[in-house]
Protein backbone atom coordinates (compact mmCIF):
# COMPACT_ATOMS: atom_id res chain seq x y z
CA UNK A 1 0.08 -0.03 -0.03
CA UNK A 2 1.33 3.36 -0.79
CA UNK A 3 1.40 6.01 1.85
CA UNK A 4 1.81 9.11 0.21
CA UNK A 5 0.18 10.82 -2.89
CA UNK A 6 2.65 11.29 -5.79
CA UNK A 7 2.28 14.27 -8.44
CA UNK A 8 3.34 12.06 -10.99
CA UNK A 9 0.33 9.49 -12.39
CA UNK A 10 -0.14 7.22 -15.15
CA UNK A 11 -2.01 8.24 -18.44
CA UNK A 12 -5.57 7.23 -18.83
CA UNK A 13 -4.98 5.29 -21.64
CA UNK A 14 -2.36 3.42 -19.47
CA UNK A 15 -4.67 2.72 -16.97
CA UNK A 16 -7.69 1.91 -19.08
CA UNK A 17 -4.87 -0.91 -20.69
CA UNK A 18 -3.99 -2.50 -17.52
CA UNK A 19 -4.76 -5.77 -16.83
CA UNK A 20 -5.84 -7.31 -13.33
CA UNK A 21 -6.74 -4.97 -10.20
CA UNK A 22 -5.73 -1.43 -9.79
CA UNK A 23 -6.88 0.95 -6.99
CA UNK A 24 -6.65 4.60 -8.09
CA UNK A 25 -6.60 6.45 -5.26
CA UNK A 26 -7.13 10.11 -5.72
CA UNK A 27 -6.15 13.32 -2.85
CA UNK A 28 -3.56 15.16 -1.27
CA UNK A 29 -1.07 14.75 1.39
CA UNK A 30 -2.44 18.11 3.58
CA UNK A 31 -6.20 16.74 3.25
CA UNK A 32 -7.77 15.70 6.37
CA UNK A 33 -10.43 13.58 4.83
CA UNK A 34 -7.61 11.98 3.25
CA UNK A 35 -5.71 11.50 6.10
CA UNK A 36 -8.43 10.34 8.26
CA UNK A 37 -9.08 7.19 5.72
CA UNK A 38 -5.67 5.68 5.79
CA UNK A 39 -6.26 3.89 9.07
CA UNK A 40 -9.49 1.86 7.27
CA UNK A 41 -7.89 1.53 3.83
CA UNK A 42 -4.68 0.05 5.78
CA UNK A 43 -7.54 -2.29 7.94
CA UNK A 44 -8.99 -2.87 4.23
CA UNK A 45 -5.66 -3.41 2.14
CA UNK A 46 -4.46 -6.42 4.17
CA UNK A 47 -4.23 -9.42 2.20
CA UNK A 48 -4.21 -7.51 -1.10
CA UNK A 49 -1.18 -6.46 -0.78
CA UNK A 50 -0.16 -7.59 -4.87
CA UNK A 51 -2.56 -4.85 -6.02
CA UNK A 52 -1.28 -2.18 -8.04
CA UNK A 53 -2.18 0.92 -5.82
CA UNK A 54 -1.68 4.47 -7.23
CA UNK A 55 -1.94 7.21 -4.86
CA UNK A 56 -2.50 10.34 -6.81
CA UNK A 57 -2.28 13.80 -5.94
CA UNK A 58 -5.04 15.52 -7.34
CA UNK A 59 -6.25 19.31 -7.80
CA UNK A 60 -6.88 21.91 -10.78
CA UNK A 61 -5.45 21.05 -13.82
CA UNK A 62 -4.65 17.48 -13.00
CA UNK A 63 -5.59 15.51 -15.92
CA UNK A 64 -5.99 11.96 -14.28
CA UNK A 65 -8.88 13.13 -12.01
CA UNK A 66 -10.23 15.24 -14.34
CA UNK A 67 -10.92 12.03 -16.45
CA UNK A 68 -12.40 10.48 -13.78
CA UNK A 69 -14.70 13.16 -12.66
CA UNK A 70 -13.05 13.39 -9.10
CA UNK A 71 -14.81 16.01 -7.31
CA UNK A 72 -13.84 15.21 -3.39
CA UNK A 73 -10.97 13.76 -1.88
CA UNK A 74 -10.12 10.72 -1.20
CA UNK A 75 -11.64 9.04 -4.17
CA UNK A 76 -11.16 5.35 -4.07
CA UNK A 77 -11.48 4.00 -7.62
CA UNK A 78 -11.64 0.23 -8.02
CA UNK A 79 -10.84 -1.18 -11.28
CA UNK A 80 -10.72 -4.61 -13.18
CA UNK A 81 -8.91 -4.99 -16.40
CA UNK A 82 -8.95 -1.18 -17.32
CA UNK A 83 -12.85 -0.55 -16.25
CA UNK A 84 -14.02 0.75 -13.21
CA UNK A 85 -16.14 -1.34 -11.28
CA UNK A 86 -16.76 0.62 -7.81
CA UNK A 87 -16.12 3.76 -6.20
CA UNK A 88 -15.64 5.34 -2.48
CA UNK A 89 -15.60 8.80 -1.75
CA UNK A 90 -14.78 9.89 1.54
CA UNK A 91 -14.71 6.39 3.62
CA UNK A 92 -15.02 6.36 7.03
CA UNK A 93 -14.79 3.10 7.77
CA UNK A 94 -12.59 -0.30 6.70
CA UNK A 95 -15.72 -2.33 5.38
CA UNK A 96 -16.61 0.68 2.46
CA UNK A 97 -12.88 -0.10 1.11
CA UNK A 98 -12.92 -3.71 1.33
CA UNK A 99 -16.38 -4.20 -0.35
CA UNK A 100 -14.51 -2.41 -3.35
CA UNK A 101 -11.36 -3.94 -3.04
CA UNK A 102 -13.42 -7.69 -2.87
CA UNK A 103 -14.69 -6.68 -6.63
CA UNK A 104 -11.65 -6.37 -8.32
CA UNK A 105 -9.85 -9.06 -5.98
CA UNK A 106 -11.70 -11.85 -4.80
CA UNK A 107 -8.94 -13.99 -3.35
CA UNK A 108 -9.57 -12.48 -0.05
């Protein structure tokens, strides 16, 4: 599991072409809502360490977040074989995140 939001982000076409399970997490390192979501994310992510996880720093003019119509942080988008299958916005507990992870990585 990644711990810091990164300014470098993959291109949307690369995300759409990825095989397997991917968790895209949009937010900012200074965002209180994003910080509050980290403990539930860590709890839900246990056992899914093999997943590709991108922690993307979002904001005005950031094309990847705009392409997914991200409006609030954190937004977690669960992708399976390039297709969005679930989305959680400002999760407060691990169960919300675990549900999304289960949809893209049912092994756990």
